[in-house]
């Protein structure tokens, strides 16, 4: 599929963004991934919006962001951990020119300011509320940043879930050539946050919506949920780590981040 023309009045993708997108799309096209994309109508054609997505792999954000890029001609800024910007050349030549926003996991205030500025300028901003890849492939607890920035900018939150790309490349596993890999991406109905809304309550609602959406696309996945498969959640009979254990490890890691900033 060719990229749609960027609508008038909408920030256009930079040359570096187009180059990075071409590389990611080429990797997926060479393997002839079989995408099933649903809910594109929930992504606004113009104006700012937060896209909140689950995080199961090093590739899922490419699977999600190709949709507004190809279907609507819209680039998306990504909140990414600050350490990636310190990688020699990669940070200066890729992360910054593509509009990525660095996030200090111990103090995300600066990232929030930059994200809100982008949203106010009519940009799409991708947030991964779990902060890190979920090794159980189920949703971890959410941080409230997606809701807070949407509330500050007065823009909608579009929930998004994807399933399948973790079979290609995720933490703890080497990249695997994945011929004709089925990948599902679903966007849900936009969530609007008023100035009076409780951020904690809305964050719980967002997570509940995404949990339901994720359960649906996993249940409908073309390759099913084979018993004992490493990429299938433990709860569904797969060999992925047990979710409670992953969640406890994640909370311990968060505590270490906080202590390192004290």
C-alpha atoms as a PDB file:
ATOM      1  CA  UNK A   1       0.000   0.000   0.000  1.00  0.00           C
ATOM      2  CA  UNK A   2       1.250   3.474  -0.909  1.00  0.00           C
ATOM      3  CA  UNK A   3       1.230   6.202   1.703  1.00  0.00           C
ATOM      4  CA  UNK A   4      -1.803   8.485   1.573  1.00  0.00           C
ATOM      5  CA  UNK A   5      -1.242  12.176   0.970  1.00  0.00           C
ATOM      6  CA  UNK A   6      -0.954  14.230   4.144  1.00  0.00           C
ATOM      7  CA  UNK A   7      -4.140  16.327   4.592  1.00  0.00           C
ATOM      8  CA  UNK A   8      -3.833  20.099   4.340  1.00  0.00           C
ATOM      9  CA  UNK A   9      -3.018  21.725   7.652  1.00  0.00           C
ATOM     10  CA  UNK A  10      -1.578  18.527   9.133  1.00  0.00           C
ATOM     11  CA  UNK A  11       2.148  18.264  10.010  1.00  0.00           C
ATOM     12  CA  UNK A  12       3.841  16.251   7.253  1.00  0.00           C
ATOM     13  CA  UNK A  13       6.387  13.482   7.924  1.00  0.00           C
ATOM     14  CA  UNK A  14      10.008  14.591   7.737  1.00  0.00           C
ATOM     15  CA  UNK A  15      12.488  13.061   5.318  1.00  0.00           C
ATOM     16  CA  UNK A  16      14.118  11.085   8.137  1.00  0.00           C
ATOM     17  CA  UNK A  17      10.697   9.874   9.347  1.00  0.00           C
ATOM     18  CA  UNK A  18       9.845   8.696   5.834  1.00  0.00           C
ATOM     19  CA  UNK A  19      13.201   6.915   5.580  1.00  0.00           C
ATOM     20  CA  UNK A  20      12.753   5.172   8.956  1.00  0.00           C
ATOM     21  CA  UNK A  21       9.206   4.187   7.989  1.00  0.00           C
ATOM     22  CA  UNK A  22      10.455   2.808   4.667  1.00  0.00           C
ATOM     23  CA  UNK A  23      12.980   0.592   6.473  1.00  0.00           C
ATOM     24  CA  UNK A  24      10.377  -0.738   8.925  1.00  0.00           C
ATOM     25  CA  UNK A  25       7.813  -1.321   6.188  1.00  0.00           C
ATOM     26  CA  UNK A  26      10.399  -3.084   4.030  1.00  0.00           C
ATOM     27  CA  UNK A  27      11.246  -5.499   6.858  1.00  0.00           C
ATOM     28  CA  UNK A  28       7.563  -6.377   7.211  1.00  0.00           C
ATOM     29  CA  UNK A  29       6.903  -6.571   3.472  1.00  0.00           C
ATOM     30  CA  UNK A  30       9.886  -8.844   2.813  1.00  0.00           C
ATOM     31  CA  UNK A  31       8.360 -11.303   5.269  1.00  0.00           C
ATOM     32  CA  UNK A  32       4.919 -10.765   3.737  1.00  0.00           C
ATOM     33  CA  UNK A  33       3.253 -10.191   7.061  1.00  0.00           C
ATOM     34  CA  UNK A  34      -0.508 -10.588   6.928  1.00  0.00           C
ATOM     35  CA  UNK A  35      -2.003  -7.540   8.597  1.00  0.00           C
ATOM     36  CA  UNK A  36      -5.545  -7.290   9.849  1.00  0.00           C
ATOM     37  CA  UNK A  37      -6.282  -3.653  10.690  1.00  0.00           C
ATOM     38  CA  UNK A  38      -9.513  -2.550  12.334  1.00  0.00           C
ATOM     39  CA  UNK A  39     -10.917   0.726  13.615  1.00  0.00           C
ATOM     40  CA  UNK A  40      -8.996   3.160  11.397  1.00  0.00           C
ATOM     41  CA  UNK A  41     -12.044   5.440  11.501  1.00  0.00           C
ATOM     42  CA  UNK A  42     -11.267   6.187  15.152  1.00  0.00           C
ATOM     43  CA  UNK A  43      -7.986   7.935  14.246  1.00  0.00           C
ATOM     44  CA  UNK A  44      -8.670  11.636  13.573  1.00  0.00           C
ATOM     45  CA  UNK A  45      -7.666  12.835  10.113  1.00  0.00           C
ATOM     46  CA  UNK A  46      -6.701  16.212  11.567  1.00  0.00           C
ATOM     47  CA  UNK A  47      -5.831  17.609  14.961  1.00  0.00           C
ATOM     48  CA  UNK A  48      -3.915  16.266  17.906  1.00  0.00           C
ATOM     49  CA  UNK A  49      -4.611  12.918  19.538  1.00  0.00           C
ATOM     50  CA  UNK A  50      -2.907  10.509  21.898  1.00  0.00           C
ATOM     51  CA  UNK A  51      -2.593   6.923  20.674  1.00  0.00           C
ATOM     52  CA  UNK A  52      -2.215   4.606  23.677  1.00  0.00           C
ATOM     53  CA  UNK A  53      -0.930   1.148  22.730  1.00  0.00           C
ATOM     54  CA  UNK A  54       0.080  -2.095  24.417  1.00  0.00           C
ATOM     55  CA  UNK A  55       3.720  -3.148  24.316  1.00  0.00           C
ATOM     56  CA  UNK A  56       4.714  -6.765  23.686  1.00  0.00           C
ATOM     57  CA  UNK A  57       7.702  -6.407  21.364  1.00  0.00           C
ATOM     58  CA  UNK A  58      10.401  -4.234  19.849  1.00  0.00           C
ATOM     59  CA  UNK A  59       8.263  -4.004  16.722  1.00  0.00           C
ATOM     60  CA  UNK A  60       4.683  -3.424  17.847  1.00  0.00           C
ATOM     61  CA  UNK A  61       4.848   0.356  17.615  1.00  0.00           C
ATOM     62  CA  UNK A  62       5.857   0.027  13.945  1.00  0.00           C
ATOM     63  CA  UNK A  63       2.832  -2.198  13.397  1.00  0.00           C
ATOM     64  CA  UNK A  64       0.589   0.434  14.992  1.00  0.00           C
ATOM     65  CA  UNK A  65       2.136   3.577  13.516  1.00  0.00           C
ATOM     66  CA  UNK A  66       2.158   2.302   9.948  1.00  0.00           C
ATOM     67  CA  UNK A  67      -1.635   2.678  10.019  1.00  0.00           C
ATOM     68  CA  UNK A  68      -1.968   6.475  10.417  1.00  0.00           C
ATOM     69  CA  UNK A  69       1.108   6.858   8.193  1.00  0.00           C
ATOM     70  CA  UNK A  70      -0.134   4.742   5.268  1.00  0.00           C
ATOM     71  CA  UNK A  71      -3.882   5.276   5.586  1.00  0.00           C
ATOM     72  CA  UNK A  72      -3.941   8.967   6.566  1.00  0.00           C
ATOM     73  CA  UNK A  73      -0.489  10.266   5.625  1.00  0.00           C
ATOM     74  CA  UNK A  74       0.079  11.245   9.255  1.00  0.00           C
ATOM     75  CA  UNK A  75       3.363  10.831  11.150  1.00  0.00           C
ATOM     76  CA  UNK A  76       3.264  10.051  14.863  1.00  0.00           C
ATOM     77  CA  UNK A  77       5.649  11.201  17.555  1.00  0.00           C
ATOM     78  CA  UNK A  78       6.751   8.465  19.947  1.00  0.00           C
ATOM     79  CA  UNK A  79       7.553   8.733  23.640  1.00  0.00           C
ATOM     80  CA  UNK A  80      10.722   6.649  24.045  1.00  0.00           C
ATOM     81  CA  UNK A  81      13.079   5.980  26.915  1.00  0.00           C
ATOM     82  CA  UNK A  82      15.778   8.588  27.273  1.00  0.00           C
ATOM     83  CA  UNK A  83      18.660   6.095  27.059  1.00  0.00           C
ATOM     84  CA  UNK A  84      17.915   5.482  23.358  1.00  0.00           C
ATOM     85  CA  UNK A  85      18.799   9.086  22.622  1.00  0.00           C
ATOM     86  CA  UNK A  86      22.281   8.513  24.047  1.00  0.00           C
ATOM     87  CA  UNK A  87      23.084   5.662  21.636  1.00  0.00           C
ATOM     88  CA  UNK A  88      25.879   6.971  19.382  1.00  0.00           C
ATOM     89  CA  UNK A  89      24.554   8.262  16.040  1.00  0.00           C
ATOM     90  CA  UNK A  90      21.189   6.521  16.490  1.00  0.00           C
ATOM     91  CA  UNK A  91      19.908   9.146  18.890  1.00  0.00           C
ATOM     92  CA  UNK A  92      21.114  12.129  16.889  1.00  0.00           C
ATOM     93  CA  UNK A  93      20.361  10.788  13.404  1.00  0.00           C
ATOM     94  CA  UNK A  94      17.135   8.834  13.999  1.00  0.00           C
ATOM     95  CA  UNK A  95      15.423   9.459  17.336  1.00  0.00           C
ATOM     96  CA  UNK A  96      15.526  13.256  17.365  1.00  0.00           C
ATOM     97  CA  UNK A  97      14.884  13.912  13.627  1.00  0.00           C
ATOM     98  CA  UNK A  98      11.852  11.592  13.634  1.00  0.00           C
ATOM     99  CA  UNK A  99      10.282  13.626  16.431  1.00  0.00           C
ATOM    100  CA  UNK A 100      10.645  11.072  19.217  1.00  0.00           C
ATOM    101  CA  UNK A 101      10.244  12.507  22.708  1.00  0.00           C
ATOM    102  CA  UNK A 102      12.713  11.349  25.395  1.00  0.00           C
ATOM    103  CA  UNK A 103      11.196  10.061  28.628  1.00  0.00           C
ATOM    104  CA  UNK A 104      13.101   9.982  31.896  1.00  0.00           C
ATOM    105  CA  UNK A 105      11.399   7.082  33.678  1.00  0.00           C
ATOM    106  CA  UNK A 106      12.173   8.617  37.057  1.00  0.00           C
ATOM    107  CA  UNK A 107      10.753  12.019  36.130  1.00  0.00           C
ATOM    108  CA  UNK A 108       8.573  12.329  33.042  1.00  0.00           C
ATOM    109  CA  UNK A 109       7.658  15.994  33.483  1.00  0.00           C
ATOM    110  CA  UNK A 110       9.718  17.271  30.551  1.00  0.00           C
ATOM    111  CA  UNK A 111       8.293  14.606  28.243  1.00  0.00           C
ATOM    112  CA  UNK A 112       4.772  15.625  29.237  1.00  0.00           C
ATOM    113  CA  UNK A 113       5.484  19.261  28.371  1.00  0.00           C
ATOM    114  CA  UNK A 114       6.898  18.369  24.943  1.00  0.00           C
ATOM    115  CA  UNK A 115       4.076  15.929  24.210  1.00  0.00           C
ATOM    116  CA  UNK A 116       1.394  18.483  25.095  1.00  0.00           C
ATOM    117  CA  UNK A 117       3.106  21.041  22.861  1.00  0.00           C
ATOM    118  CA  UNK A 118       3.010  18.563  19.985  1.00  0.00           C
ATOM    119  CA  UNK A 119      -0.641  17.735  20.615  1.00  0.00           C
ATOM    120  CA  UNK A 120      -1.513  21.423  20.691  1.00  0.00           C
ATOM    121  CA  UNK A 121       0.219  21.739  17.307  1.00  0.00           C
ATOM    122  CA  UNK A 122      -2.082  19.091  15.853  1.00  0.00           C
ATOM    123  CA  UNK A 123       0.274  16.114  16.061  1.00  0.00           C
ATOM    124  CA  UNK A 124      -0.363  12.479  16.913  1.00  0.00           C
ATOM    125  CA  UNK A 125       1.597  11.197  19.911  1.00  0.00           C
ATOM    126  CA  UNK A 126       2.083   7.509  20.717  1.00  0.00           C
ATOM    127  CA  UNK A 127       2.257   6.515  24.381  1.00  0.00           C
ATOM    128  CA  UNK A 128       2.999   3.040  25.733  1.00  0.00           C
ATOM    129  CA  UNK A 129       1.357   3.279  29.179  1.00  0.00           C
ATOM    130  CA  UNK A 130       3.028   0.106  30.462  1.00  0.00           C
ATOM    131  CA  UNK A 131       6.427   1.824  29.993  1.00  0.00           C
ATOM    132  CA  UNK A 132       8.162  -1.423  29.090  1.00  0.00           C
ATOM    133  CA  UNK A 133       7.622  -4.645  27.154  1.00  0.00           C
ATOM    134  CA  UNK A 134       5.336  -7.049  28.979  1.00  0.00           C
ATOM    135  CA  UNK A 135       7.078 -10.413  29.014  1.00  0.00           C
ATOM    136  CA  UNK A 136       3.794 -12.112  29.921  1.00  0.00           C
ATOM    137  CA  UNK A 137       2.231 -10.530  26.789  1.00  0.00           C
ATOM    138  CA  UNK A 138      -0.624  -9.312  28.995  1.00  0.00           C
ATOM    139  CA  UNK A 139      -1.160  -5.725  30.108  1.00  0.00           C
ATOM    140  CA  UNK A 140       1.014  -4.434  32.932  1.00  0.00           C
ATOM    141  CA  UNK A 141      -0.184  -1.616  35.219  1.00  0.00           C
ATOM    142  CA  UNK A 142      -0.556   1.693  33.386  1.00  0.00           C
ATOM    143  CA  UNK A 143       1.140   4.986  34.114  1.00  0.00           C
ATOM    144  CA  UNK A 144      -1.184   7.990  33.874  1.00  0.00           C
ATOM    145  CA  UNK A 145       0.849  10.028  31.383  1.00  0.00           C
ATOM    146  CA  UNK A 146      -1.388   9.344  28.372  1.00  0.00           C
ATOM    147  CA  UNK A 147      -4.451  10.607  30.226  1.00  0.00           C
ATOM    148  CA  UNK A 148      -2.678  13.602  31.742  1.00  0.00           C
ATOM    149  CA  UNK A 149      -1.339  14.841  28.412  1.00  0.00           C
ATOM    150  CA  UNK A 150      -4.697  14.346  26.677  1.00  0.00           C
ATOM    151  CA  UNK A 151      -6.409  16.244  29.485  1.00  0.00           C
ATOM    152  CA  UNK A 152      -3.869  19.085  29.349  1.00  0.00           C
ATOM    153  CA  UNK A 153      -4.114  19.434  25.561  1.00  0.00           C
ATOM    154  CA  UNK A 154      -7.856  18.817  25.314  1.00  0.00           C
ATOM    155  CA  UNK A 155      -7.446  16.041  22.740  1.00  0.00           C
ATOM    156  CA  UNK A 156      -8.870  12.489  22.525  1.00  0.00           C
ATOM    157  CA  UNK A 157      -7.114   9.269  23.451  1.00  0.00           C
ATOM    158  CA  UNK A 158      -7.350   6.526  20.832  1.00  0.00           C
ATOM    159  CA  UNK A 159      -6.767   3.099  22.419  1.00  0.00           C
ATOM    160  CA  UNK A 160      -4.817   0.685  20.213  1.00  0.00           C
ATOM    161  CA  UNK A 161      -3.821  -2.942  20.651  1.00  0.00           C
ATOM    162  CA  UNK A 162      -1.696  -5.186  18.479  1.00  0.00           C
ATOM    163  CA  UNK A 163      -0.900  -8.893  18.550  1.00  0.00           C
ATOM    164  CA  UNK A 164       1.586 -11.016  16.652  1.00  0.00           C
ATOM    165  CA  UNK A 165       4.707  -8.886  16.198  1.00  0.00           C
ATOM    166  CA  UNK A 166       6.217 -10.300  19.405  1.00  0.00           C
ATOM    167  CA  UNK A 167       6.708 -13.563  17.521  1.00  0.00           C
ATOM    168  CA  UNK A 168       9.221 -11.689  15.349  1.00  0.00           C
ATOM    169  CA  UNK A 169      11.291  -9.811  17.952  1.00  0.00           C
ATOM    170  CA  UNK A 170      10.750  -9.294  21.661  1.00  0.00           C
ATOM    171  CA  UNK A 171      12.783  -9.105  24.830  1.00  0.00           C
ATOM    172  CA  UNK A 172      14.462 -12.367  25.794  1.00  0.00           C
ATOM    173  CA  UNK A 173      14.213 -13.760  22.262  1.00  0.00           C
ATOM    174  CA  UNK A 174      16.334 -13.279  19.160  1.00  0.00           C
ATOM    175  CA  UNK A 175      14.689 -11.896  16.011  1.00  0.00           C
ATOM    176  CA  UNK A 176      13.032 -14.701  14.033  1.00  0.00           C
ATOM    177  CA  UNK A 177      12.332 -14.603  10.320  1.00  0.00           C
ATOM    178  CA  UNK A 178       8.536 -14.737  10.383  1.00  0.00           C
ATOM    179  CA  UNK A 179       7.181 -15.611   6.949  1.00  0.00           C
ATOM    180  CA  UNK A 180       3.548 -14.567   6.442  1.00  0.00           C
ATOM    181  CA  UNK A 181       3.202 -13.724  10.118  1.00  0.00           C
ATOM    182  CA  UNK A 182      -0.365 -12.756  11.062  1.00  0.00           C
ATOM    183  CA  UNK A 183      -0.431  -9.402  12.875  1.00  0.00           C
ATOM    184  CA  UNK A 184      -3.625  -7.809  14.137  1.00  0.00           C
ATOM    185  CA  UNK A 185      -3.947  -4.101  14.941  1.00  0.00           C
ATOM    186  CA  UNK A 186      -7.162  -2.700  16.362  1.00  0.00           C
ATOM    187  CA  UNK A 187      -8.020   0.904  17.203  1.00  0.00           C
ATOM    188  CA  UNK A 188     -10.881   1.553  19.591  1.00  0.00           C
ATOM    189  CA  UNK A 189     -13.385   4.332  20.042  1.00  0.00           C
ATOM    190  CA  UNK A 190     -11.759   7.546  21.238  1.00  0.00           C
ATOM    191  CA  UNK A 191     -11.825   8.384  24.925  1.00  0.00           C
ATOM    192  CA  UNK A 192     -12.340  12.044  25.848  1.00  0.00           C
ATOM    193  CA  UNK A 193     -10.996  13.489  29.092  1.00  0.00           C
ATOM    194  CA  UNK A 194     -12.576  16.599  30.598  1.00  0.00           C
ATOM    195  CA  UNK A 195     -10.647  19.004  32.873  1.00  0.00           C
ATOM    196  CA  UNK A 196     -12.726  17.765  35.822  1.00  0.00           C
ATOM    197  CA  UNK A 197     -12.060  14.053  35.275  1.00  0.00           C
ATOM    198  CA  UNK A 198      -9.981  12.104  37.775  1.00  0.00           C
ATOM    199  CA  UNK A 199      -6.798  11.024  35.982  1.00  0.00           C
ATOM    200  CA  UNK A 200      -6.505   7.811  37.995  1.00  0.00           C
ATOM    201  CA  UNK A 201     -10.091   6.796  37.229  1.00  0.00           C
ATOM    202  CA  UNK A 202      -9.747   7.506  33.503  1.00  0.00           C
ATOM    203  CA  UNK A 203      -6.440   5.612  33.367  1.00  0.00           C
ATOM    204  CA  UNK A 204      -8.194   2.575  34.843  1.00  0.00           C
ATOM    205  CA  UNK A 205     -10.967   2.936  32.264  1.00  0.00           C
ATOM    206  CA  UNK A 206      -8.415   3.158  29.442  1.00  0.00           C
ATOM    207  CA  UNK A 207      -6.655   0.031  30.656  1.00  0.00           C
ATOM    208  CA  UNK A 208      -9.941  -1.856  30.992  1.00  0.00           C
ATOM    209  CA  UNK A 209     -10.894  -0.949  27.422  1.00  0.00           C
ATOM    210  CA  UNK A 210      -7.540  -2.030  26.073  1.00  0.00           C
ATOM    211  CA  UNK A 211      -7.588  -5.250  28.078  1.00  0.00           C
ATOM    212  CA  UNK A 212     -10.954  -6.127  26.543  1.00  0.00           C
ATOM    213  CA  UNK A 213      -9.765  -5.217  23.041  1.00  0.00           C
ATOM    214  CA  UNK A 214      -6.600  -7.284  23.463  1.00  0.00           C
ATOM    215  CA  UNK A 215      -8.548 -10.315  24.671  1.00  0.00           C
ATOM    216  CA  UNK A 216     -10.750 -10.079  21.582  1.00  0.00           C
ATOM    217  CA  UNK A 217      -7.937  -9.942  19.038  1.00  0.00           C
ATOM    218  CA  UNK A 218      -6.040 -12.754  20.768  1.00  0.00           C
ATOM    219  CA  UNK A 219      -9.184 -14.910  20.683  1.00  0.00           C
ATOM    220  CA  UNK A 220      -9.612 -14.149  16.965  1.00  0.00           C
ATOM    221  CA  UNK A 221      -5.924 -14.550  16.030  1.00  0.00           C
ATOM    222  CA  UNK A 222      -5.547 -16.683  12.866  1.00  0.00           C
ATOM    223  CA  UNK A 223      -2.873 -18.938  14.405  1.00  0.00           C
ATOM    224  CA  UNK A 224      -4.873 -19.428  17.585  1.00  0.00           C
ATOM    225  CA  UNK A 225      -3.223 -19.922  20.982  1.00  0.00           C
ATOM    226  CA  UNK A 226      -1.227 -23.180  20.700  1.00  0.00           C
ATOM    227  CA  UNK A 227      -0.658 -24.931  24.015  1.00  0.00           C
ATOM    228  CA  UNK A 228       2.928 -24.576  25.191  1.00  0.00           C
ATOM    229  CA  UNK A 229       3.893 -21.948  22.592  1.00  0.00           C
ATOM    230  CA  UNK A 230       6.410 -19.458  23.975  1.00  0.00           C
ATOM    231  CA  UNK A 231       4.473 -16.495  22.561  1.00  0.00           C
ATOM    232  CA  UNK A 232       1.144 -17.440  24.151  1.00  0.00           C
ATOM    233  CA  UNK A 233       0.255 -16.072  27.619  1.00  0.00           C
ATOM    234  CA  UNK A 234       0.608 -18.506  30.511  1.00  0.00           C
ATOM    235  CA  UNK A 235      -3.058 -17.962  31.410  1.00  0.00           C
ATOM    236  CA  UNK A 236      -4.057 -19.355  28.009  1.00  0.00           C
ATOM    237  CA  UNK A 237      -1.857 -22.439  28.254  1.00  0.00           C
ATOM    238  CA  UNK A 238       1.244 -20.945  26.680  1.00  0.00           C
ATOM    239  CA  UNK A 239       4.840 -20.963  27.901  1.00  0.00           C
ATOM    240  CA  UNK A 240       5.145 -17.206  28.480  1.00  0.00           C
ATOM    241  CA  UNK A 241       6.112 -16.233  32.040  1.00  0.00           C
ATOM    242  CA  UNK A 242       3.270 -16.162  34.557  1.00  0.00           C
ATOM    243  CA  UNK A 243       1.694 -12.698  34.600  1.00  0.00           C
ATOM    244  CA  UNK A 244       1.747 -12.204  38.364  1.00  0.00           C
ATOM    245  CA  UNK A 245       5.484 -12.883  38.469  1.00  0.00           C
ATOM    246  CA  UNK A 246       6.135 -10.474  35.593  1.00  0.00           C
ATOM    247  CA  UNK A 247       4.013  -7.826  37.292  1.00  0.00           C
ATOM    248  CA  UNK A 248       5.924  -8.178  40.576  1.00  0.00           C
ATOM    249  CA  UNK A 249       9.262  -7.885  38.763  1.00  0.00           C
ATOM    250  CA  UNK A 250       7.976  -4.799  36.977  1.00  0.00           C
ATOM    251  CA  UNK A 251       6.902  -3.147  40.229  1.00  0.00           C
ATOM    252  CA  UNK A 252      10.322  -3.888  41.733  1.00  0.00           C
ATOM    253  CA  UNK A 253      12.011  -2.306  38.709  1.00  0.00           C
ATOM    254  CA  UNK A 254       9.829   0.786  39.046  1.00  0.00           C
ATOM    255  CA  UNK A 255      10.796   1.058  42.705  1.00  0.00           C
ATOM    256  CA  UNK A 256      14.482   0.954  41.733  1.00  0.00           C
ATOM    257  CA  UNK A 257      13.906   3.743  39.181  1.00  0.00           C
ATOM    258  CA  UNK A 258      12.290   5.888  41.872  1.00  0.00           C
ATOM    259  CA  UNK A 259      15.068   5.240  44.391  1.00  0.00           C
ATOM    260  CA  UNK A 260      17.720   6.099  41.813  1.00  0.00           C
ATOM    261  CA  UNK A 261      16.173   9.569  41.493  1.00  0.00           C
ATOM    262  CA  UNK A 262      15.951  10.299  45.209  1.00  0.00           C
END
